[in-house]
Amino acid sequence: MLERIPAEGETDSATSRVSRAVGVTSAATRIRLPTQDWIARQTLSVRFLLASGLLILITATIAGHLIAGILVSNATNSRAASTALLVQRMIQPIAQELEVTTQLSSTAVAELDRLFAAPEVRQRFPYLEVWLPDGTVAYSLSKELVGKRFNAPEGMKRALAGEVAAQHADLEAGEHTQRNFTTPYLEIYSPIHDKDTGAVFAVAEIHEDAAVVGDHLLQLQFQSWGIVAATSALVMLGLFGIVHRASMTIERQRKLLNRRAEEAERARDEVQELRKRDREASVRLASMNENFARGIGADLHDGPGQLLSYALLQLEPVRVAKNRGERDDALHTVSSTLSEALAEIRTIARSLLLPDIERLDLDQIVARVIRNHEARTGSRVLFEPCRANPELPVAIKTCIYRFLQEGLNNAHRHAGANGQKVECALVDGKLMLAVCDDGLKPGEQSTARHIGGMGIHGLRQRVESLGGALTFANRSPKGTRLEMTIDMEH
């Protein structure tokens, strides 16, 4: 069977409709009410309080209505029973003649009028009717109703069955419209029994002011609502207390987990940073060792190597000397050159070997470096002892020695040994060492020729590997300051 192929325009239109539908659905899923975000930010106990409060409010409202209705119904029935009992005692002996006739005698009517004419009785019971089973009014305080027949009220039917019934007056009923009732009285229907057989032969209808009854019923409603509200509040507070304690425990554990997660993340970042620094330090150390080896080779080549070459050249004049004096002069030159080469070799060796400093304290290490430097260069170094003797690992002692050695060598080579000074201090658990100089004097030139030194770069790597910092800065008006800081507590 052939099917119609949609045109290109129709396909585009259908696609656009699907896209708009999908867009509307996506937009609808993205819509969040502000209350949802606010509730999501609250603790478990607050959300429980809101949910349970709403449920308990609904439950309490339903229970309050039911309880209030039951209490009102019971109170109304109880009042109706007591009122019916009172009326029966008043009316039943007089109305016994209605069992054999449909009208009360004038004596009976006068007696009933007298009973209900009392002010306290008339105020409570403003209206009274005595009904016959066929709906005829045999007696009434409203004389115009006597002898008339009306549709039997529902309460009267129940009273004829032997029950006491209570209901609010139907203002549309015929017996009420004739008297222009506007107040919905409480109607109480009480059966009138034969004193011998107990059969119901008439019904007494009493109208009681609903306002008086209403005040009592309203008080009962308030009491019932108060009891329901207090009970609901106690239940909610008890449940809230339990959930709040659990919520606080969960909240503390959540914060603890978050804090530990953050610490773990920071530790991971620190480990990664340490690994990165370790790789970089390994590369720099390899490069530094290579440069150090090249420096030693250059020192040996440019120093002792050149002197030894010169000494070898001076052996030829010894062989070709024509007399003893020329030979002695040549031998003296060779001897002095070899001595100078040996002195430079020893200097290079001393710069490579570290003296025994494990048993020395801080001030002794500084004094050892200064003494060696002054003996080697013939210069003067100022130093005031730190008088603090912290426990120093061997690695830090070695770092201090190399730092002072490199700093004093730089001051001697680049500043002509002018104003050489070593500063030492221990403040707040941080060790600070500095080598200062006053720079070259006018007319002086630097004697910088590297002999086995570490260099500032290598020295910075050594200090930073111990968690310290190295700074190199110019002083005012001239000179330099090389400073090392190590956190001893860290």
Protein backbone atom coordinates (compact mmCIF):
# COMPACT_ATOMS: atom_id res chain seq x y z
CA MET A 1 0.00 0.00 0.00
CA LEU A 2 1.43 3.35 -1.00
CA GLU A 3 1.84 6.01 1.69
CA ARG A 4 1.93 9.76 1.15
CA ILE A 5 5.43 11.21 1.52
CA PRO A 6 5.29 14.55 3.39
CA ALA A 7 6.55 17.60 1.58
CA GLU A 8 9.73 19.34 2.72
CA GLY A 9 7.83 22.26 4.26
CA GLU A 10 5.55 19.91 6.16
CA THR A 11 8.57 18.00 7.55
CA ASP A 12 10.16 21.21 8.77
CA SER A 13 6.90 22.28 10.37
CA ALA A 14 6.49 18.95 12.18
CA THR A 15 10.10 19.07 13.34
CA SER A 16 9.64 22.58 14.68
CA ARG A 17 6.49 21.53 16.54
CA VAL A 18 8.33 18.60 18.13
CA SER A 19 11.24 20.89 19.06
CA ARG A 20 8.87 23.40 20.64
CA ALA A 21 7.14 20.60 22.57
CA VAL A 22 10.48 19.25 23.79
CA GLY A 23 11.56 22.78 24.69
CA VAL A 24 8.38 23.39 26.65
CA THR A 25 8.82 20.07 28.48
CA SER A 26 12.47 20.86 29.28
CA ALA A 27 11.55 24.33 30.46
CA ALA A 28 8.81 22.90 32.65
CA THR A 29 11.26 20.46 34.26
CA ARG A 30 13.67 23.32 34.94
CA ILE A 31 11.05 25.40 36.73
CA ARG A 32 11.51 25.25 40.49
CA LEU A 33 9.44 27.13 43.00
CA PRO A 34 11.34 29.34 45.46
CA THR A 35 9.83 27.35 48.34
CA GLN A 36 11.37 24.15 46.95
CA ASP A 37 14.86 25.66 47.08
CA TRP A 38 14.19 27.04 50.57
CA ILE A 39 12.95 23.67 51.85
CA ALA A 40 15.91 21.88 50.26
CA ARG A 41 18.30 24.11 52.24
CA GLN A 42 16.67 23.32 55.59
CA THR A 43 17.74 20.64 58.04
CA LEU A 44 15.95 17.32 58.41
CA SER A 45 14.26 18.44 61.64
CA VAL A 46 12.87 21.60 60.03
CA ARG A 47 11.52 19.67 57.06
CA PHE A 48 10.00 17.11 59.43
CA LEU A 49 8.44 19.93 61.44
CA LEU A 50 6.87 21.38 58.30
CA ALA A 51 5.59 18.04 57.00
CA SER A 52 4.42 16.69 60.35
CA GLY A 53 2.97 20.05 61.30
CA LEU A 54 0.86 20.07 58.14
CA LEU A 55 -0.28 16.46 58.63
CA ILE A 56 -1.01 16.96 62.32
CA LEU A 57 -2.86 20.19 61.54
CA ILE A 58 -5.08 18.39 59.03
CA THR A 59 -5.59 15.46 61.41
CA ALA A 60 -6.27 17.75 64.36
CA THR A 61 -8.77 19.75 62.32
CA ILE A 62 -10.68 16.62 61.33
CA ALA A 63 -10.48 15.19 64.84
CA GLY A 64 -11.51 18.51 66.34
CA HIS A 65 -14.57 18.71 64.14
CA LEU A 66 -15.55 15.13 64.93
CA ILE A 67 -14.96 15.48 68.66
CA ALA A 68 -16.69 18.85 68.82
CA GLY A 69 -19.64 17.43 66.89
CA ILE A 70 -19.88 14.44 69.21
CA LEU A 71 -19.62 16.64 72.30
CA VAL A 72 -22.24 19.07 70.98
CA SER A 73 -24.56 16.21 70.06
CA ASN A 74 -24.12 14.54 73.44
CA ALA A 75 -24.55 17.83 75.29
CA THR A 76 -27.68 18.63 73.29
CA ASN A 77 -29.15 15.19 73.91
CA SER A 78 -28.29 15.38 77.59
CA ARG A 79 -29.91 18.79 77.90
CA ALA A 80 -32.91 17.58 75.96
CA ALA A 81 -33.28 14.54 78.25
CA SER A 82 -33.11 16.64 81.41
CA THR A 83 -35.54 19.20 79.98
CA ALA A 84 -37.91 16.45 78.82
CA LEU A 85 -37.84 14.87 82.27
CA LEU A 86 -38.71 18.21 83.84
CA VAL A 87 -41.54 18.88 81.40
CA GLN A 88 -42.92 15.36 81.76
CA ARG A 89 -43.22 15.83 85.52
CA MET A 90 -45.04 19.11 84.97
CA ILE A 91 -47.33 18.14 82.08
CA GLN A 92 -47.89 14.40 82.21
CA PRO A 93 -50.29 14.32 85.22
CA ILE A 94 -52.43 17.11 83.75
CA ALA A 95 -52.47 15.80 80.17
CA GLN A 96 -53.67 12.26 81.07
CA GLU A 97 -57.21 13.15 79.95
CA LEU A 98 -55.97 13.44 76.32
CA GLU A 99 -55.80 9.68 76.26
CA VAL A 100 -59.61 9.54 76.07
CA THR A 101 -60.40 12.90 74.42
CA THR A 102 -58.85 15.22 71.90
CA GLN A 103 -59.27 18.37 73.97
CA LEU A 104 -58.12 19.46 77.37
CA SER A 105 -60.61 20.65 79.86
CA SER A 106 -60.62 24.28 80.92
CA THR A 107 -59.29 23.22 84.31
CA ALA A 108 -56.33 21.44 82.72
CA VAL A 109 -55.67 24.43 80.42
CA ALA A 110 -55.78 26.83 83.36
CA GLU A 111 -53.42 24.62 85.35
CA LEU A 112 -50.91 24.48 82.45
CA ASP A 113 -51.17 28.24 81.93
CA ARG A 114 -50.45 28.76 85.58
CA LEU A 115 -47.41 26.47 85.55
CA PHE A 116 -45.82 28.17 82.54
CA ALA A 117 -46.76 31.70 83.50
CA ALA A 118 -44.04 31.85 86.14
CA PRO A 119 -41.33 34.31 84.91
CA GLU A 120 -38.40 31.95 85.44
CA VAL A 121 -40.20 29.18 83.52
CA ARG A 122 -41.48 31.46 80.74
CA GLN A 123 -37.98 32.93 80.28
CA ARG A 124 -36.50 29.49 79.75
CA PHE A 125 -39.45 27.98 77.86
CA PRO A 126 -41.09 30.80 75.89
CA TYR A 127 -43.25 28.40 73.84
CA LEU A 128 -44.96 25.07 74.60
CA GLU A 129 -47.21 22.83 72.51
CA VAL A 130 -48.89 19.53 73.24
CA TRP A 131 -49.38 17.46 70.06
CA LEU A 132 -51.78 14.66 69.39
CA PRO A 133 -50.53 11.78 67.23
CA ASP A 134 -52.48 13.08 64.18
CA GLY A 135 -50.65 16.46 64.22
CA THR A 136 -53.37 18.39 66.05
CA VAL A 137 -52.24 20.96 68.62
CA ALA A 138 -54.15 20.12 71.82
CA TYR A 139 -52.50 22.85 73.89
CA SER A 140 -50.20 25.79 73.22
CA LEU A 141 -49.03 28.93 74.94
CA SER A 142 -49.86 30.51 71.57
CA LYS A 143 -53.64 30.15 71.80
CA GLU A 144 -54.20 30.70 68.08
CA LEU A 145 -52.66 27.27 67.35
CA VAL A 146 -54.97 25.26 69.62
CA GLY A 147 -57.17 22.88 67.65
CA LYS A 148 -55.25 23.34 64.40
CA ARG A 149 -53.63 20.49 62.58
CA PHE A 150 -50.16 20.67 61.00
CA ASN A 151 -47.69 18.32 59.37
CA ALA A 152 -46.03 16.31 62.11
CA PRO A 153 -42.41 17.45 62.62
CA GLU A 154 -39.62 14.87 62.43
CA GLY A 155 -38.91 15.25 66.13
CA MET A 156 -42.50 14.55 66.97
CA LYS A 157 -42.43 11.30 65.03
CA ARG A 158 -39.41 10.14 67.03
CA ALA A 159 -41.13 11.18 70.28
CA LEU A 160 -44.21 9.12 69.38
CA ALA A 161 -41.82 6.15 69.15
CA GLY A 162 -40.80 6.79 72.76
CA GLU A 163 -37.57 8.79 72.16
CA VAL A 164 -36.63 12.25 73.35
CA ALA A 165 -35.70 14.30 70.27
CA ALA A 166 -34.04 17.68 69.94
CA GLN A 167 -33.64 19.81 66.82
CA HIS A 168 -33.51 23.43 65.79
CA ALA A 169 -36.81 24.92 64.74
CA ASP A 170 -37.75 24.83 61.07
CA LEU A 171 -38.83 28.44 60.45
CA GLU A 172 -40.71 27.30 57.31
CA ALA A 173 -43.04 24.98 59.25
CA GLY A 174 -46.71 25.99 59.34
CA GLU A 175 -46.94 26.32 63.14
CA HIS A 176 -43.99 28.71 63.03
CA THR A 177 -44.97 30.82 60.03
CA GLN A 178 -48.29 31.66 61.71
CA ARG A 179 -46.36 33.12 64.64
CA ASN A 180 -43.73 34.78 62.40
CA PHE A 181 -40.80 32.98 64.04
CA THR A 182 -37.41 34.46 63.20
CA THR A 183 -35.36 32.82 65.94
CA PRO A 184 -34.29 29.18 65.43
CA TYR A 185 -35.26 27.92 68.87
CA LEU A 186 -34.07 24.57 70.13
CA GLU A 187 -37.14 22.29 69.93
CA ILE A 188 -37.29 19.43 72.43
CA TYR A 189 -39.92 16.75 71.84
CA SER A 190 -40.85 14.69 74.90
CA PRO A 191 -43.29 11.74 74.80
CA ILE A 192 -46.24 11.77 77.24
CA HIS A 193 -46.93 8.28 78.56
CA ASP A 194 -50.03 6.66 80.00
CA LYS A 195 -49.33 6.31 83.72
CA ASP A 196 -50.75 2.79 83.73
CA THR A 197 -49.75 1.20 80.41
CA GLY A 198 -46.77 3.44 79.48
CA ALA A 199 -48.16 3.96 75.94
CA VAL A 200 -47.41 7.30 74.25
CA PHE A 201 -50.63 9.19 73.56
CA ALA A 202 -49.28 12.74 73.08
CA VAL A 203 -46.06 14.69 72.62
CA ALA A 204 -44.93 17.84 74.42
CA GLU A 205 -42.85 20.28 72.36
CA ILE A 206 -40.75 22.78 74.32
CA HIS A 207 -39.00 25.70 72.70
CA GLU A 208 -35.81 26.67 74.50
CA ASP A 209 -33.77 29.78 73.72
CA ALA A 210 -30.89 28.56 71.51
CA ALA A 211 -28.64 31.43 72.62
CA VAL A 212 -28.49 30.05 76.17
CA VAL A 213 -27.78 26.57 74.87
CA GLY A 214 -25.39 27.94 72.26
CA ASP A 215 -23.15 29.60 74.84
CA HIS A 216 -22.73 26.30 76.63
CA LEU A 217 -22.16 24.43 73.39
CA LEU A 218 -19.63 27.04 72.24
CA GLN A 219 -17.74 26.65 75.50
CA LEU A 220 -17.67 22.88 74.96
CA GLN A 221 -16.35 23.40 71.43
CA PHE A 222 -13.58 25.68 72.67
CA GLN A 223 -12.63 23.18 75.33
CA SER A 224 -12.58 20.30 72.86
CA TRP A 225 -10.54 22.30 70.36
CA GLY A 226 -8.14 23.31 73.14
CA ILE A 227 -7.66 19.71 74.21
CA VAL A 228 -7.10 18.59 70.61
CA ALA A 229 -4.65 21.45 69.97
CA ALA A 230 -2.71 20.79 73.18
CA THR A 231 -2.54 17.07 72.49
CA SER A 232 -1.43 17.65 68.89
CA ALA A 233 1.20 20.14 70.03
CA LEU A 234 2.55 17.69 72.62
CA VAL A 235 2.69 14.90 70.04
CA MET A 236 4.39 17.16 67.50
CA LEU A 237 6.89 18.48 70.04
CA GLY A 238 7.73 14.97 71.19
CA LEU A 239 8.28 13.73 67.66
CA PHE A 240 10.16 16.90 66.76
CA GLY A 241 12.46 16.44 69.76
CA ILE A 242 13.34 12.91 68.67
CA VAL A 243 13.83 13.87 65.02
CA HIS A 244 15.72 17.04 65.95
CA ARG A 245 18.21 15.08 68.00
CA ALA A 246 18.69 12.62 65.14
CA SER A 247 18.89 15.51 62.68
CA MET A 248 21.58 17.22 64.75
CA THR A 249 23.56 13.98 64.86
CA ILE A 250 23.22 13.57 61.10
CA GLU A 251 24.12 17.24 60.56
CA ARG A 252 27.24 16.89 62.71
CA GLN A 253 28.24 13.75 60.87
CA ARG A 254 27.58 15.42 57.52
CA LYS A 255 29.73 18.40 58.46
CA LEU A 256 32.42 16.06 59.75
CA LEU A 257 32.32 14.08 56.50
CA ASN A 258 32.43 17.27 54.45
CA ARG A 259 35.36 18.54 56.51
CA ARG A 260 37.18 15.24 56.11
CA ALA A 261 36.41 15.21 52.41
CA GLU A 262 37.83 18.72 52.11
CA GLU A 263 40.88 17.69 54.11
CA ALA A 264 41.31 14.63 51.91
CA GLU A 265 40.99 16.81 48.81
CA ARG A 266 43.53 19.28 50.18
CA ALA A 267 45.84 16.40 51.10
CA ARG A 268 45.46 15.01 47.60
CA ASP A 269 46.29 18.39 46.10
CA GLU A 270 49.28 18.72 48.43
CA VAL A 271 50.48 15.23 47.48
CA GLN A 272 50.11 16.07 43.82
CA GLU A 273 51.97 19.33 44.36
CA LEU A 274 54.69 17.51 46.29
CA ARG A 275 54.98 14.94 43.52
CA LYS A 276 55.26 17.73 40.99
CA ARG A 277 57.87 19.50 43.06
CA ASP A 278 59.71 16.21 43.58
CA ARG A 279 59.85 15.62 39.84
CA GLU A 280 60.98 19.17 39.24
CA ALA A 281 63.54 18.90 42.06
CA SER A 282 64.88 15.67 40.58
CA VAL A 283 65.32 17.35 37.21
CA ARG A 284 66.90 20.41 38.79
CA LEU A 285 69.16 18.23 40.96
CA ALA A 286 70.37 16.31 37.94
CA SER A 287 70.99 19.59 36.12
CA MET A 288 72.68 21.07 39.18
CA ASN A 289 74.95 18.05 39.57
CA GLU A 290 75.84 18.27 35.94
CA ASN A 291 76.61 21.96 36.21
CA PHE A 292 78.52 21.35 39.43
CA ALA A 293 80.64 18.68 37.75
CA ARG A 294 81.26 21.03 34.82
CA GLY A 295 82.26 23.77 37.26
CA ILE A 296 84.74 21.51 39.00
CA GLY A 297 86.14 20.44 35.63
CA ALA A 298 86.42 24.08 34.58
CA ASP A 299 88.13 24.97 37.87
CA LEU A 300 90.62 22.13 37.48
CA HIS A 301 91.23 22.99 33.83
CA ASP A 302 91.59 26.73 34.29
CA GLY A 303 93.53 26.59 37.57
CA PRO A 304 95.74 23.61 38.35
CA GLY A 305 95.62 22.38 34.73
CA GLN A 306 97.06 25.63 33.38
CA LEU A 307 99.71 25.72 36.11
CA LEU A 308 100.75 22.12 35.46
CA SER A 309 100.97 22.87 31.74
CA TYR A 310 103.17 25.85 32.50
CA ALA A 311 105.35 23.67 34.78
CA LEU A 312 105.80 21.15 31.98
CA LEU A 313 106.85 23.91 29.65
CA GLN A 314 109.45 25.01 32.20
CA LEU A 315 111.10 21.54 32.14
CA GLU A 316 112.60 22.27 28.74
CA PRO A 317 114.77 25.16 30.06
CA VAL A 318 116.05 22.80 32.77
CA ARG A 319 117.28 20.32 30.14
CA VAL A 320 118.87 22.95 27.94
CA ALA A 321 120.37 25.00 30.77
CA LYS A 322 124.07 25.71 30.06
CA ASN A 323 125.09 26.26 33.64
CA ARG A 324 123.97 25.55 37.18
CA GLY A 325 122.45 29.03 37.71
CA GLU A 326 120.08 28.77 34.76
CA ARG A 327 119.05 25.27 35.85
CA ASP A 328 118.33 26.42 39.40
CA ASP A 329 116.22 29.34 38.14
CA ALA A 330 114.21 27.02 35.91
CA LEU A 331 113.76 24.49 38.70
CA HIS A 332 112.61 27.25 41.06
CA THR A 333 109.99 28.34 38.55
CA VAL A 334 108.76 24.78 38.13
CA SER A 335 108.66 24.26 41.90
CA SER A 336 106.72 27.48 42.56
CA THR A 337 104.27 26.67 39.76
CA LEU A 338 103.65 23.16 41.09
CA SER A 339 103.20 24.54 44.60
CA GLU A 340 100.63 27.02 43.34
CA ALA A 341 98.81 24.24 41.45
CA LEU A 342 98.82 22.07 44.58
CA ALA A 343 97.42 24.97 46.63
CA GLU A 344 94.55 25.45 44.17
CA ILE A 345 93.82 21.71 44.15
CA ARG A 346 93.64 21.77 47.95
CA THR A 347 91.37 24.83 47.81
CA ILE A 348 89.01 23.03 45.45
CA ALA A 349 89.12 19.94 47.66
CA ARG A 350 88.32 21.95 50.77
CA SER A 351 85.34 23.51 49.04
CA LEU A 352 84.01 20.05 48.22
CA LEU A 353 84.55 18.47 51.63
CA LEU A 354 82.28 19.34 54.56
CA PRO A 355 83.97 19.50 57.97
CA ASP A 356 82.61 17.55 60.94
CA ILE A 357 79.73 19.75 62.17
CA GLU A 358 77.33 17.18 63.62
CA ARG A 359 78.38 17.98 67.23
CA LEU A 360 78.38 21.78 66.73
CA ASP A 361 75.52 24.08 67.72
CA LEU A 362 74.26 27.02 65.68
CA ASP A 363 76.71 29.66 66.86
CA GLN A 364 79.63 27.23 66.56
CA ILE A 365 78.75 26.38 62.97
CA VAL A 366 78.58 30.07 62.06
CA ALA A 367 81.86 30.74 63.84
CA ARG A 368 83.53 27.79 62.02
CA VAL A 369 82.48 29.08 58.60
CA ILE A 370 83.55 32.66 59.42
CA ARG A 371 86.94 31.50 60.75
CA ASN A 372 87.66 29.40 57.65
CA HIS A 373 86.58 32.25 55.38
CA GLU A 374 88.77 34.81 57.19
CA ALA A 375 91.76 32.44 57.09
CA ARG A 376 91.31 31.77 53.39
CA THR A 377 90.62 35.34 52.25
CA GLY A 378 92.31 37.42 54.92
CA SER A 379 89.11 39.51 55.24
CA ARG A 380 87.07 40.54 58.27
CA VAL A 381 83.48 39.31 59.00
CA LEU A 382 81.25 40.85 61.66
CA PHE A 383 79.03 38.51 63.66
CA GLU A 384 77.08 38.75 66.90
CA PRO A 385 76.22 35.31 68.36
CA CYS A 386 72.55 34.33 68.25
CA ARG A 387 72.74 32.74 71.73
CA ALA A 388 69.93 30.40 70.75
CA ASN A 389 70.79 26.75 70.50
CA PRO A 390 67.82 24.92 68.95
CA GLU A 391 68.00 21.24 68.16
CA LEU A 392 69.07 21.12 64.51
CA PRO A 393 68.99 18.06 62.24
CA VAL A 394 72.15 17.31 60.30
CA ALA A 395 70.44 18.32 57.05
CA ILE A 396 69.74 21.81 58.40
CA LYS A 397 73.27 22.14 59.79
CA THR A 398 74.67 21.23 56.38
CA CYS A 399 72.34 23.74 54.72
CA ILE A 400 73.45 26.49 57.14
CA TYR A 401 77.11 25.74 56.49
CA ARG A 402 76.74 25.78 52.70
CA PHE A 403 74.58 28.92 52.84
CA LEU A 404 77.16 30.87 54.86
CA GLN A 405 80.00 29.50 52.75
CA GLU A 406 78.32 30.54 49.50
CA GLY A 407 77.16 33.89 50.87
CA LEU A 408 80.60 34.88 52.21
CA ASN A 409 82.31 33.71 49.00
CA ASN A 410 79.91 35.90 46.99
CA ALA A 411 80.56 38.85 49.29
CA HIS A 412 84.31 38.38 48.88
CA ARG A 413 84.26 37.96 45.11
CA HIS A 414 81.57 40.47 44.15
CA ALA A 415 81.84 43.09 46.90
CA GLY A 416 85.58 43.04 47.63
CA ALA A 417 84.86 41.73 51.19
CA ASN A 418 83.62 45.20 52.16
CA GLY A 419 81.24 45.30 55.14
CA GLN A 420 80.88 41.54 55.41
CA LYS A 421 78.40 40.71 58.16
CA VAL A 422 76.45 37.64 59.28
CA GLU A 423 73.08 38.07 61.04
CA CYS A 424 71.37 35.27 62.96
CA ALA A 425 68.05 35.23 64.81
CA LEU A 426 65.42 32.75 66.03
CA VAL A 427 61.94 34.37 66.20
CA ASP A 428 58.62 32.53 66.67
CA GLY A 429 60.16 29.20 65.76
CA LYS A 430 61.70 30.56 62.54
CA LEU A 431 65.47 30.56 62.00
CA MET A 432 66.77 33.53 60.02
CA LEU A 433 70.32 33.77 58.64
CA ALA A 434 71.60 36.60 56.45
CA VAL A 435 74.92 37.53 54.81
CA CYS A 436 75.29 41.23 54.07
CA ASP A 437 77.94 43.35 52.35
CA ASP A 438 78.45 47.01 51.45
CA GLY A 439 79.37 46.45 47.82
CA LEU A 440 82.52 47.51 45.93
CA LYS A 441 84.29 50.73 46.81
CA PRO A 442 84.94 53.31 44.10
CA GLY A 443 87.72 52.09 41.82
CA GLU A 444 87.49 48.42 42.92
CA GLN A 445 86.71 45.59 40.52
CA SER A 446 85.04 42.27 41.14
CA THR A 447 87.35 39.26 41.49
CA ALA A 448 84.62 36.81 40.64
CA ARG A 449 86.11 33.54 39.46
CA HIS A 450 84.05 30.53 40.39
CA ILE A 451 85.91 27.88 42.39
CA GLY A 452 83.66 24.96 43.23
CA GLY A 453 80.70 26.97 44.61
CA MET A 454 77.06 25.88 44.63
CA GLY A 455 75.62 29.08 43.16
CA ILE A 456 72.46 30.88 44.25
CA HIS A 457 70.23 28.54 42.23
CA GLY A 458 71.63 25.39 43.81
CA LEU A 459 71.50 27.00 47.23
CA ARG A 460 67.83 27.92 46.76
CA GLN A 461 67.02 24.31 45.87
CA ARG A 462 68.76 23.09 49.02
CA VAL A 463 66.89 25.57 51.27
CA GLU A 464 63.47 24.98 49.69
CA SER A 465 63.90 21.21 50.02
CA LEU A 466 63.87 21.79 53.81
CA GLY A 467 60.68 23.88 53.65
CA GLY A 468 62.57 27.19 53.82
CA ALA A 469 62.88 30.26 51.63
CA LEU A 470 65.87 32.08 50.12
CA THR A 471 65.84 35.76 49.11
CA PHE A 472 68.52 37.89 47.46
CA ALA A 473 68.06 41.67 47.45
CA ASN A 474 70.03 44.89 47.03
CA ARG A 475 70.64 47.08 50.05
CA SER A 476 70.37 50.86 50.20
CA PRO A 477 72.42 52.77 49.25
CA LYS A 478 74.55 49.88 47.95
CA GLY A 479 75.44 46.32 48.74
CA THR A 480 73.47 43.09 48.85
CA ARG A 481 71.67 40.89 51.36
CA LEU A 482 71.33 37.12 51.01
CA GLU A 483 68.77 35.76 53.51
CA MET A 484 67.62 32.27 54.42
CA THR A 485 64.51 31.48 56.53
CA ILE A 486 63.53 28.00 57.82
CA ASP A 487 60.45 27.21 59.92
CA MET A 488 61.87 25.03 62.70
CA GLU A 489 58.43 23.92 63.93
CA HIS A 490 57.44 22.78 60.44
